[in-house]
Amino acid sequence: MSRTAWLVTLLVLVLLAGLGLWATRHFEKQEITLPTGLTGEAATNPLLAAERFLNTMGVATTHLDNSTDLLDRPQSGDVILITSDRQTLGQGRSQALLDWVRLGGRLVVTVPHLPADEMPVHDPLLKALGLAVEYNDPDTSEYADYLDVDLPGADDFLQVAFGTDYVLSGARASDRVVANDWGVVMIRRQLGRGAVTVLSDLDFIQYLEIGDYDHARFLWYLVDGTGKVWLIFNNDMPALWDWLWQHATEAMTALTLLLFVWLWSRSRRFGPLLGEPAPVRRRILEHIDANGRFLWHQRRATYLIGAVREALLASAARRFPAWSGMTEAARAGHLADLIHRDAEAVQHTLATTRVRHRHEFTRLIQQLETIRKKL
């Protein structure tokens, strides 16, 4: 290597070393964790962490996507925890839930979360309990993100991040109440042998928040740690007919009467019945002709010629035992004797596979059919 090449190489190495030294002084390696979002069951079940926590504490839990068959499963002493708005639960099933509570069940629910312009909330369960929910828009800049909750028997306050948009009213003197500076956020009421707990917010027990503050400990207080817990996080949708009958009774009544009148009018007939026309069926030759035209237009004439030739050769093989041992020339000569034609012309007819015009195709098929009929 020449001296110039050595100098260039040395200069490049010095530059690379300087660049590396500069990079080590101005850049540093850092590891960061990027959130990938929830996957699997956690993506569809926001109460999965709460369910696993209760199971670890020895409490049996079952989650339901909706409350369609809820009242057929829980036993007296169980806990039903509903985090949905219950807007589709209905008055009848809300009353059935309260009857179940009076027999010893325990119910934990939250309030419907609606915008301020849609208040007050129409909730059959809250109405039956004599409770109401109000929209609140306080200035929370001077307050902590959590609320200190004083529970009976607890050594200290529990920190729970209740939402501040809704507050409850209508509590009785015998109710267990949790409140903050801007209103009541929880009411627990004894009802018969059971209890109903209504909270302004239950988002703090969902997957991404149950690990904050004392949320898990407060959930343990809500379910009392005894009896099976039924977790419901979706609204159940009533049958379409029930929803229409509840919200459009007059319209459904009119449509029912109209349907009855239409059925009555259709049940009356004037004059004799007309006979059904006989089904129109095409002849088999029309189907064969249509099939042949289709194959011709698709340039499949070779397929048609081959089918006719195969039928001819198969018929000849059945009639002449020595046919399979003959050569092509012997076969052509034998067929030529049957139809009284030149053997070379017959051999040409058997060997032709391609035609260019329709009349050539027709003539070739006719020749093959003539030979077959003479067998």
Protein backbone atom coordinates (compact mmCIF):
# COMPACT_ATOMS: atom_id res chain seq x y z
CA MET A 1 0.00 0.00 0.00
CA SER A 2 1.36 3.42 -0.89
CA ARG A 3 2.11 6.14 1.61
CA THR A 4 -0.86 8.20 0.38
CA ALA A 5 -3.24 5.30 1.00
CA TRP A 6 -1.86 4.86 4.52
CA LEU A 7 -2.34 8.53 5.28
CA VAL A 8 -5.95 8.50 4.00
CA THR A 9 -6.74 5.40 6.07
CA LEU A 10 -5.20 6.92 9.19
CA LEU A 11 -7.15 10.16 8.68
CA VAL A 12 -10.45 8.24 8.31
CA LEU A 13 -9.74 6.27 11.51
CA VAL A 14 -8.97 9.47 13.42
CA LEU A 15 -12.20 11.08 12.21
CA LEU A 16 -14.24 8.01 13.19
CA ALA A 17 -12.61 7.93 16.62
CA GLY A 18 -13.36 11.62 17.12
CA LEU A 19 -16.96 11.15 16.03
CA GLY A 20 -17.39 8.26 18.44
CA LEU A 21 -15.90 10.26 21.32
CA TRP A 22 -18.23 13.18 20.57
CA ALA A 23 -21.27 10.87 20.44
CA THR A 24 -20.46 9.28 23.81
CA ARG A 25 -20.28 12.72 25.44
CA HIS A 26 -23.50 14.09 23.93
CA PHE A 27 -25.75 11.01 23.85
CA GLU A 28 -26.71 8.51 26.50
CA LYS A 29 -28.58 5.22 26.33
CA GLN A 30 -32.00 5.16 27.99
CA GLU A 31 -34.59 2.43 28.28
CA ILE A 32 -38.24 3.45 28.18
CA THR A 33 -41.40 1.39 28.52
CA LEU A 34 -44.10 2.07 25.96
CA PRO A 35 -47.71 1.18 26.85
CA THR A 36 -49.06 -1.49 24.53
CA GLY A 37 -52.66 -1.40 25.77
CA LEU A 38 -54.68 -4.17 27.31
CA THR A 39 -54.81 -7.55 25.62
CA GLY A 40 -56.74 -10.77 26.05
CA GLU A 41 -59.55 -10.85 28.60
CA ALA A 42 -58.38 -7.60 30.20
CA ALA A 43 -59.30 -5.73 27.00
CA THR A 44 -62.96 -6.77 27.31
CA ASN A 45 -63.39 -7.17 31.07
CA PRO A 46 -62.59 -3.95 33.01
CA LEU A 47 -63.20 -5.76 36.31
CA LEU A 48 -60.68 -8.54 35.68
CA ALA A 49 -58.18 -7.17 38.22
CA ALA A 50 -60.94 -6.77 40.83
CA GLU A 51 -62.03 -10.34 40.17
CA ARG A 52 -58.49 -11.67 40.56
CA PHE A 53 -58.02 -9.64 43.77
CA LEU A 54 -61.18 -11.06 45.36
CA ASN A 55 -60.22 -14.58 44.30
CA THR A 56 -56.83 -14.13 45.96
CA MET A 57 -58.61 -13.05 49.14
CA GLY A 58 -60.65 -16.27 49.08
CA VAL A 59 -63.91 -14.85 47.71
CA ALA A 60 -65.63 -16.65 44.84
CA THR A 61 -66.48 -14.33 41.94
CA THR A 62 -68.29 -14.59 38.61
CA HIS A 63 -68.51 -11.86 35.98
CA LEU A 64 -71.49 -11.45 33.67
CA ASP A 65 -71.59 -9.49 30.43
CA ASN A 66 -75.14 -8.39 31.21
CA SER A 67 -77.88 -8.90 33.78
CA THR A 68 -80.31 -10.84 31.58
CA ASP A 69 -80.33 -13.96 33.78
CA LEU A 70 -78.90 -12.33 36.90
CA LEU A 71 -81.81 -12.98 39.27
CA ASP A 72 -81.83 -16.70 38.43
CA ARG A 73 -78.33 -17.31 39.83
CA PRO A 74 -77.41 -15.42 43.06
CA GLN A 75 -78.31 -16.90 46.42
CA SER A 76 -79.21 -15.16 49.63
CA GLY A 77 -76.03 -13.71 51.12
CA ASP A 78 -74.31 -13.13 47.79
CA VAL A 79 -73.13 -9.75 46.53
CA ILE A 80 -74.19 -8.22 43.21
CA LEU A 81 -71.87 -5.41 42.06
CA ILE A 82 -73.02 -3.47 38.98
CA THR A 83 -70.70 -0.84 37.52
CA SER A 84 -72.90 -0.01 34.49
CA ASP A 85 -75.44 2.79 34.35
CA ARG A 86 -78.40 0.36 34.52
CA GLN A 87 -80.38 2.55 32.12
CA THR A 88 -81.99 -0.52 30.55
CA LEU A 89 -82.62 -2.51 33.74
CA GLY A 90 -86.27 -1.44 33.92
CA GLN A 91 -88.63 -0.84 36.81
CA GLY A 92 -89.75 -4.47 37.19
CA ARG A 93 -86.26 -5.93 37.41
CA SER A 94 -85.05 -3.09 39.65
CA GLN A 95 -87.85 -3.93 42.07
CA ALA A 96 -86.94 -7.62 41.82
CA LEU A 97 -83.36 -6.74 42.81
CA LEU A 98 -84.59 -4.88 45.89
CA ASP A 99 -86.82 -7.83 46.84
CA TRP A 100 -83.74 -10.05 46.59
CA VAL A 101 -81.86 -7.65 48.89
CA ARG A 102 -84.64 -7.85 51.51
CA LEU A 103 -84.10 -11.62 51.64
CA GLY A 104 -80.46 -11.15 52.60
CA GLY A 105 -78.67 -10.13 49.43
CA ARG A 106 -76.24 -7.24 49.13
CA LEU A 107 -76.32 -4.88 46.17
CA VAL A 108 -73.59 -2.41 45.16
CA VAL A 109 -74.41 -0.03 42.28
CA THR A 110 -73.38 3.31 40.85
CA VAL A 111 -75.51 6.09 39.38
CA PRO A 112 -76.15 6.73 35.68
CA HIS A 113 -73.49 9.05 34.32
CA LEU A 114 -75.24 11.52 32.02
CA PRO A 115 -74.36 15.02 30.83
CA ALA A 116 -75.67 17.99 32.77
CA ASP A 117 -78.29 18.82 30.11
CA GLU A 118 -79.85 15.34 30.54
CA MET A 119 -80.34 15.61 34.29
CA PRO A 120 -82.27 14.69 36.38
CA VAL A 121 -81.71 10.98 35.90
CA HIS A 122 -84.69 8.63 35.56
CA ASP A 123 -83.55 5.58 37.50
CA PRO A 124 -86.21 3.16 38.85
CA LEU A 125 -83.81 1.76 41.46
CA LEU A 126 -82.89 5.17 42.88
CA LYS A 127 -86.54 6.21 42.79
CA ALA A 128 -87.57 3.13 44.79
CA LEU A 129 -84.92 3.98 47.40
CA GLY A 130 -85.93 7.64 47.52
CA LEU A 131 -82.51 8.78 46.30
CA ALA A 132 -81.54 11.30 43.64
CA VAL A 133 -78.37 12.15 41.76
CA GLU A 134 -77.27 15.68 40.93
CA TYR A 135 -74.65 16.91 38.48
CA ASN A 136 -71.86 18.80 40.20
CA ASP A 137 -69.19 21.02 38.66
CA PRO A 138 -66.94 22.07 41.55
CA ASP A 139 -63.59 23.80 41.46
CA THR A 140 -61.35 20.97 42.64
CA SER A 141 -58.03 22.72 42.07
CA GLU A 142 -57.51 23.19 45.82
CA TYR A 143 -58.42 19.59 46.72
CA ALA A 144 -56.46 16.37 46.54
CA ASP A 145 -57.16 13.80 43.86
CA TYR A 146 -58.56 11.44 46.49
CA LEU A 147 -61.11 11.49 49.31
CA ASP A 148 -60.33 10.38 52.86
CA VAL A 149 -62.94 7.79 53.84
CA ASP A 150 -63.43 6.94 57.52
CA LEU A 151 -64.67 3.34 57.82
CA PRO A 152 -65.93 1.70 61.01
CA GLY A 153 -63.19 -0.34 62.65
CA ALA A 154 -60.42 1.08 60.44
CA ASP A 155 -57.25 2.37 62.04
CA ASP A 156 -56.86 5.22 59.57
CA PHE A 157 -58.58 6.89 56.66
CA LEU A 158 -58.77 5.21 53.28
CA GLN A 159 -57.81 7.25 50.25
CA VAL A 160 -60.32 6.74 47.40
CA ALA A 161 -60.35 8.72 44.13
CA PHE A 162 -64.08 9.32 43.73
CA GLY A 163 -65.29 11.23 40.67
CA THR A 164 -66.47 14.75 41.40
CA ASP A 165 -69.15 15.14 38.72
CA TYR A 166 -72.07 13.58 40.60
CA VAL A 167 -73.38 13.70 44.18
CA LEU A 168 -76.23 11.90 45.92
CA SER A 169 -79.15 13.24 47.92
CA GLY A 170 -82.00 11.69 49.89
CA ALA A 171 -79.99 9.89 52.57
CA ARG A 172 -81.73 8.90 55.80
CA ALA A 173 -80.43 9.34 59.32
CA SER A 174 -79.87 5.57 59.64
CA ASP A 175 -77.84 5.33 56.41
CA ARG A 176 -74.08 4.98 56.30
CA VAL A 177 -72.92 8.07 54.38
CA VAL A 178 -69.55 9.03 52.88
CA ALA A 179 -69.28 12.66 51.82
CA ASN A 180 -66.74 15.23 50.76
CA ASP A 181 -66.73 19.00 50.71
CA TRP A 182 -69.06 19.16 47.70
CA GLY A 183 -71.58 16.43 48.52
CA VAL A 184 -72.46 12.82 49.35
CA VAL A 185 -70.64 10.19 47.27
CA MET A 186 -71.81 6.97 48.97
CA ILE A 187 -74.96 5.82 50.76
CA ARG A 188 -75.30 2.37 52.35
CA ARG A 189 -78.81 1.45 53.53
CA GLN A 190 -80.04 -1.61 55.36
CA LEU A 191 -83.03 -3.10 53.57
CA GLY A 192 -84.65 -6.06 55.28
CA ARG A 193 -81.95 -8.62 55.96
CA GLY A 194 -79.66 -7.18 53.26
CA ALA A 195 -78.08 -3.88 52.27
CA VAL A 196 -77.90 -1.58 49.26
CA THR A 197 -74.83 0.55 48.60
CA VAL A 198 -75.13 3.38 46.07
CA LEU A 199 -71.97 5.24 44.98
CA SER A 200 -71.60 8.24 42.75
CA ASP A 201 -68.67 6.54 41.01
CA LEU A 202 -67.23 3.02 40.72
CA ASP A 203 -64.52 3.62 38.13
CA PHE A 204 -61.84 3.30 40.81
CA ILE A 205 -62.23 -0.52 40.88
CA GLN A 206 -61.59 -0.93 37.17
CA TYR A 207 -58.42 -2.49 35.79
CA LEU A 208 -56.23 0.61 35.42
CA GLU A 209 -57.20 2.23 38.76
CA ILE A 210 -57.74 -0.49 41.35
CA GLY A 211 -54.04 -0.48 42.17
CA ASP A 212 -54.04 3.23 43.08
CA TYR A 213 -54.44 4.60 46.61
CA ASP A 214 -56.61 2.31 48.81
CA HIS A 215 -59.04 1.26 46.07
CA ALA A 216 -58.56 -2.49 46.56
CA ARG A 217 -59.06 -2.15 50.32
CA PHE A 218 -62.22 -0.10 49.81
CA LEU A 219 -63.57 -2.75 47.37
CA TRP A 220 -63.03 -5.32 50.12
CA TYR A 221 -65.16 -3.14 52.40
CA LEU A 222 -67.93 -2.86 49.79
CA VAL A 223 -68.30 -6.63 49.33
CA ASP A 224 -67.79 -7.40 53.07
CA GLY A 225 -65.53 -10.34 52.19
CA THR A 226 -68.31 -12.91 52.63
CA GLY A 227 -70.54 -14.62 50.08
CA LYS A 228 -70.05 -15.00 46.36
CA VAL A 229 -69.62 -11.80 44.32
CA TRP A 230 -71.35 -11.31 40.96
CA LEU A 231 -69.65 -8.62 38.83
CA ILE A 232 -71.61 -6.92 36.02
CA PHE A 233 -70.02 -4.26 33.82
CA ASN A 234 -72.37 -4.00 30.80
CA ASN A 235 -75.93 -2.77 30.40
CA ASP A 236 -78.39 -5.44 29.41
CA MET A 237 -80.53 -4.64 26.39
CA PRO A 238 -84.22 -5.58 26.59
CA ALA A 239 -86.05 -7.28 23.77
CA LEU A 240 -86.97 -4.94 20.95
CA TRP A 241 -90.70 -5.54 21.47
CA ASP A 242 -90.43 -4.72 25.20
CA TRP A 243 -88.47 -1.55 24.49
CA LEU A 244 -90.97 -0.38 21.88
CA TRP A 245 -93.93 -1.19 24.11
CA GLN A 246 -92.36 0.77 26.97
CA HIS A 247 -91.40 3.87 24.96
CA ALA A 248 -94.03 3.92 22.20
CA THR A 249 -97.16 2.31 23.61
CA GLU A 250 -99.60 4.33 21.48
CA ALA A 251 -97.70 3.71 18.24
CA MET A 252 -97.37 -0.01 18.95
CA THR A 253 -101.09 -0.25 19.76
CA ALA A 254 -101.97 1.45 16.47
CA LEU A 255 -99.61 -0.82 14.51
CA THR A 256 -101.08 -3.90 16.20
CA LEU A 257 -104.62 -2.86 15.26
CA LEU A 258 -103.47 -2.09 11.71
CA LEU A 259 -101.87 -5.52 11.44
CA PHE A 260 -105.07 -7.16 12.70
CA VAL A 261 -107.18 -5.29 10.13
CA TRP A 262 -104.76 -6.22 7.33
CA LEU A 263 -104.83 -9.89 8.30
CA TRP A 264 -108.64 -9.81 8.45
CA SER A 265 -108.84 -8.23 4.97
CA ARG A 266 -106.45 -10.79 3.53
CA SER A 267 -108.54 -13.63 4.95
CA ARG A 268 -111.50 -12.68 2.72
CA ARG A 269 -111.59 -13.80 -0.95
CA PHE A 270 -113.92 -12.84 -3.80
CA GLY A 271 -114.41 -15.19 -6.76
CA PRO A 272 -112.86 -18.57 -7.56
CA LEU A 273 -109.19 -19.28 -7.19
CA LEU A 274 -107.14 -19.09 -10.37
CA GLY A 275 -105.24 -22.20 -11.28
CA GLU A 276 -101.49 -22.01 -11.17
CA PRO A 277 -99.92 -21.92 -14.65
CA ALA A 278 -98.05 -25.03 -15.69
CA PRO A 279 -94.29 -24.70 -15.28
CA VAL A 280 -92.44 -23.93 -18.46
CA ARG A 281 -89.76 -26.51 -19.17
CA ARG A 282 -87.28 -26.47 -21.99
CA ARG A 283 -86.52 -29.49 -24.16
CA ILE A 284 -83.29 -31.35 -23.61
CA LEU A 285 -82.21 -30.47 -27.14
CA GLU A 286 -82.35 -26.78 -26.25
CA HIS A 287 -79.99 -27.36 -23.32
CA ILE A 288 -77.62 -29.35 -25.51
CA ASP A 289 -77.71 -26.64 -28.18
CA ALA A 290 -77.06 -23.91 -25.60
CA ASN A 291 -74.17 -25.91 -24.13
CA GLY A 292 -72.65 -26.40 -27.58
CA ARG A 293 -72.95 -22.71 -28.45
CA PHE A 294 -71.30 -21.76 -25.18
CA LEU A 295 -68.35 -24.10 -25.76
CA TRP A 296 -67.98 -22.87 -29.36
CA HIS A 297 -67.88 -19.22 -28.26
CA GLN A 298 -65.33 -20.14 -25.58
CA ARG A 299 -63.12 -21.67 -28.30
CA ARG A 300 -63.65 -25.18 -26.93
CA ALA A 301 -64.41 -26.85 -30.29
CA THR A 302 -61.51 -29.24 -29.69
CA TYR A 303 -63.30 -30.50 -26.57
CA LEU A 304 -66.52 -31.20 -28.56
CA ILE A 305 -64.65 -32.97 -31.38
CA GLY A 306 -62.73 -35.08 -28.88
CA ALA A 307 -65.94 -36.13 -27.10
CA VAL A 308 -67.57 -37.29 -30.37
CA ARG A 309 -64.38 -39.13 -31.45
CA GLU A 310 -64.10 -40.89 -28.07
CA ALA A 311 -67.72 -42.01 -28.33
CA LEU A 312 -67.02 -43.40 -31.84
CA LEU A 313 -63.89 -45.30 -30.77
CA ALA A 314 -65.58 -46.67 -27.64
CA SER A 315 -68.50 -47.98 -29.73
CA ALA A 316 -66.09 -49.59 -32.22
CA ALA A 317 -64.13 -51.26 -29.42
CA ARG A 318 -67.33 -52.83 -28.07
CA ARG A 319 -68.40 -54.21 -31.48
CA PHE A 320 -65.03 -55.49 -32.75
CA PRO A 321 -62.99 -57.61 -30.32
CA ALA A 322 -59.77 -57.16 -32.32
CA TRP A 323 -60.07 -53.36 -32.33
CA SER A 324 -57.60 -52.74 -29.51
CA GLY A 325 -54.87 -54.65 -31.36
CA MET A 326 -55.25 -52.79 -34.67
CA THR A 327 -53.01 -50.01 -35.88
CA GLU A 328 -54.39 -46.59 -36.80
CA ALA A 329 -54.21 -47.45 -40.52
CA ALA A 330 -55.96 -50.79 -39.98
CA ARG A 331 -58.74 -49.12 -38.00
CA ALA A 332 -59.22 -46.50 -40.70
CA GLY A 333 -59.35 -49.20 -43.40
CA HIS A 334 -61.88 -51.23 -41.43
CA LEU A 335 -64.15 -48.22 -40.95
CA ALA A 336 -63.76 -47.24 -44.62
CA ASP A 337 -65.06 -50.66 -45.69
CA LEU A 338 -68.15 -50.17 -43.47
CA ILE A 339 -69.12 -46.78 -44.91
CA HIS A 340 -67.79 -47.40 -48.43
CA ARG A 341 -65.32 -44.51 -48.40
CA ASP A 342 -61.63 -44.04 -49.00
CA ALA A 343 -59.45 -45.23 -46.09
CA GLU A 344 -57.20 -42.18 -46.31
CA ALA A 345 -60.20 -39.84 -45.97
CA VAL A 346 -61.46 -41.78 -42.93
CA GLN A 347 -58.03 -41.65 -41.31
CA HIS A 348 -57.91 -37.89 -41.93
CA THR A 349 -61.34 -37.53 -40.32
CA LEU A 350 -60.21 -39.44 -37.21
CA ALA A 351 -56.96 -37.47 -36.93
CA THR A 352 -58.42 -33.95 -37.37
CA THR A 353 -58.58 -32.07 -34.01
CA ARG A 354 -58.74 -28.39 -34.92
CA VAL A 355 -61.10 -26.46 -37.16
CA ARG A 356 -61.16 -22.81 -38.13
CA HIS A 357 -64.70 -22.20 -39.28
CA ARG A 358 -68.14 -23.27 -38.13
CA HIS A 359 -68.98 -25.13 -41.35
CA GLU A 360 -65.76 -27.19 -41.03
CA PHE A 361 -66.75 -28.11 -37.48
CA THR A 362 -70.27 -29.10 -38.56
CA ARG A 363 -69.00 -31.21 -41.44
CA LEU A 364 -66.44 -33.01 -39.24
CA ILE A 365 -69.06 -33.84 -36.58
CA GLN A 366 -71.44 -35.14 -39.25
CA GLN A 367 -68.72 -37.39 -40.68
CA LEU A 368 -67.87 -38.82 -37.25
CA GLU A 369 -71.55 -39.44 -36.48
CA THR A 370 -72.04 -41.15 -39.87
CA ILE A 371 -69.21 -43.54 -39.13
CA ARG A 372 -70.57 -44.27 -35.61
CA LYS A 373 -74.07 -45.05 -36.92
CA LYS A 374 -72.68 -47.46 -39.52
CA LEU A 375 -71.00 -49.60 -36.86
